[in-house]
């Protein structure tokens, strides 16, 4: 269950981050990528809640991609906000999602 909660929370955080990126920097790509990735994570969480086994797999893939993107941004910018924050939360979410896939609780 923690994996589902982590996917849902990280999805909401991604959407909020995309909106903030758009409002602060006028970045349409932040809005688009945050909205799409956030929506995918939320859909994955709800699919898993409905018993669809592909839900956590989708959440793990989306989260892993986001972690890679934010790690590369963190290395490039060396700024904790937002890249460091999203990397940290992404790694935590990915661990919880993978744990639920592997252990199956």
Protein backbone atom coordinates (compact mmCIF):
# COMPACT_ATOMS: atom_id res chain seq x y z
CA UNK A 1 0.00 0.00 0.00
CA UNK A 2 2.93 2.36 0.66
CA UNK A 3 3.95 2.09 -2.98
CA UNK A 4 0.53 3.26 -4.11
CA UNK A 5 0.61 6.17 -1.68
CA UNK A 6 4.14 7.07 -2.83
CA UNK A 7 3.09 7.03 -6.49
CA UNK A 8 0.08 9.20 -5.76
CA UNK A 9 2.07 11.68 -3.66
CA UNK A 10 4.93 11.91 -6.17
CA UNK A 11 2.41 12.40 -8.98
CA UNK A 12 0.77 15.28 -7.13
CA UNK A 13 4.21 16.76 -6.36
CA UNK A 14 5.20 16.51 -10.04
CA UNK A 15 2.04 18.32 -11.11
CA UNK A 16 2.50 21.06 -8.51
CA UNK A 17 6.15 21.41 -9.56
CA UNK A 18 5.15 21.80 -13.18
CA UNK A 19 2.67 24.53 -12.30
CA UNK A 20 5.24 26.35 -10.14
CA UNK A 21 7.84 26.09 -12.91
CA UNK A 22 5.39 27.61 -15.34
CA UNK A 23 4.35 30.43 -13.00
CA UNK A 24 7.89 31.34 -11.93
CA UNK A 25 9.82 30.91 -15.15
CA UNK A 26 7.12 30.76 -17.81
CA UNK A 27 8.32 27.26 -18.67
CA UNK A 28 5.67 25.55 -20.76
CA UNK A 29 7.82 22.40 -20.85
CA UNK A 30 7.70 22.25 -17.02
CA UNK A 31 3.95 22.57 -17.08
CA UNK A 32 3.57 19.93 -19.79
CA UNK A 33 6.06 17.42 -18.40
CA UNK A 34 4.88 17.89 -14.81
CA UNK A 35 1.26 17.46 -15.84
CA UNK A 36 1.86 14.39 -17.99
CA UNK A 37 4.16 12.59 -15.56
CA UNK A 38 2.00 13.53 -12.58
CA UNK A 39 -1.16 12.35 -14.31
CA UNK A 40 0.51 9.06 -15.30
CA UNK A 41 1.55 8.46 -11.69
CA UNK A 42 -1.92 9.25 -10.37
CA UNK A 43 -3.55 6.98 -12.97
CA UNK A 44 -1.06 4.24 -12.09
CA UNK A 45 -1.86 4.53 -8.38
CA UNK A 46 -5.61 4.36 -8.97
CA UNK A 47 -5.19 1.46 -11.40
CA UNK A 48 -3.27 -0.47 -8.76
CA UNK A 49 -5.99 0.31 -6.20
CA UNK A 50 -8.49 -1.21 -8.65
CA UNK A 51 -6.42 -4.40 -8.80
CA UNK A 52 -4.69 -3.69 -12.10
CA UNK A 53 -1.24 -5.21 -11.67
CA UNK A 54 0.29 -2.95 -14.31
CA UNK A 55 -0.32 0.12 -12.14
CA UNK A 56 2.80 -0.16 -10.00
CA UNK A 57 4.91 -1.15 -13.00
CA UNK A 58 3.87 2.05 -14.77
CA UNK A 59 4.52 4.03 -11.59
CA UNK A 60 8.00 2.52 -11.25
CA UNK A 61 8.91 3.32 -14.85
CA UNK A 62 7.64 6.91 -14.69
CA UNK A 63 9.32 7.50 -11.34
CA UNK A 64 12.63 6.03 -12.56
CA UNK A 65 12.56 8.29 -15.62
CA UNK A 66 11.85 11.33 -13.45
CA UNK A 67 14.69 10.42 -11.07
CA UNK A 68 17.10 10.18 -14.01
CA UNK A 69 15.91 13.54 -15.37
CA UNK A 70 16.20 15.27 -12.00
CA UNK A 71 19.60 13.73 -11.21
CA UNK A 72 20.92 15.09 -14.50
CA UNK A 73 19.45 18.52 -13.70
CA UNK A 74 20.94 18.40 -10.20
CA UNK A 75 24.38 17.59 -11.60
CA UNK A 76 24.03 20.37 -14.17
CA UNK A 77 22.61 23.12 -11.94
CA UNK A 78 23.74 21.99 -8.47
CA UNK A 79 20.55 23.56 -7.13
CA UNK A 80 18.61 21.82 -4.41
CA UNK A 81 15.35 23.35 -5.59
CA UNK A 82 13.69 21.78 -7.47
CA UNK A 83 16.10 19.13 -8.77
CA UNK A 84 17.44 17.96 -5.41
CA UNK A 85 14.02 17.84 -3.81
CA UNK A 86 12.46 15.91 -6.69
CA UNK A 87 15.43 13.54 -6.81
CA UNK A 88 15.17 12.77 -3.11
CA UNK A 89 11.42 12.28 -3.13
CA UNK A 90 11.69 10.32 -6.38
CA UNK A 91 14.24 7.88 -4.95
CA UNK A 92 12.09 7.39 -1.84
CA UNK A 93 8.97 6.85 -3.95
CA UNK A 94 10.79 4.42 -6.24
CA UNK A 95 12.06 2.37 -3.29
CA UNK A 96 8.54 2.15 -1.85
CA UNK A 97 7.00 1.27 -5.22
CA UNK A 98 9.62 -1.41 -5.97
CA UNK A 99 9.26 -2.80 -2.45
CA UNK A 100 5.52 -3.20 -2.99
CA UNK A 101 6.12 -4.87 -6.37
CA UNK A 102 8.71 -7.27 -4.96
CA UNK A 103 7.20 -8.01 -1.55
CA UNK A 104 3.62 -7.66 -2.75
CA UNK A 105 2.08 -6.13 0.34
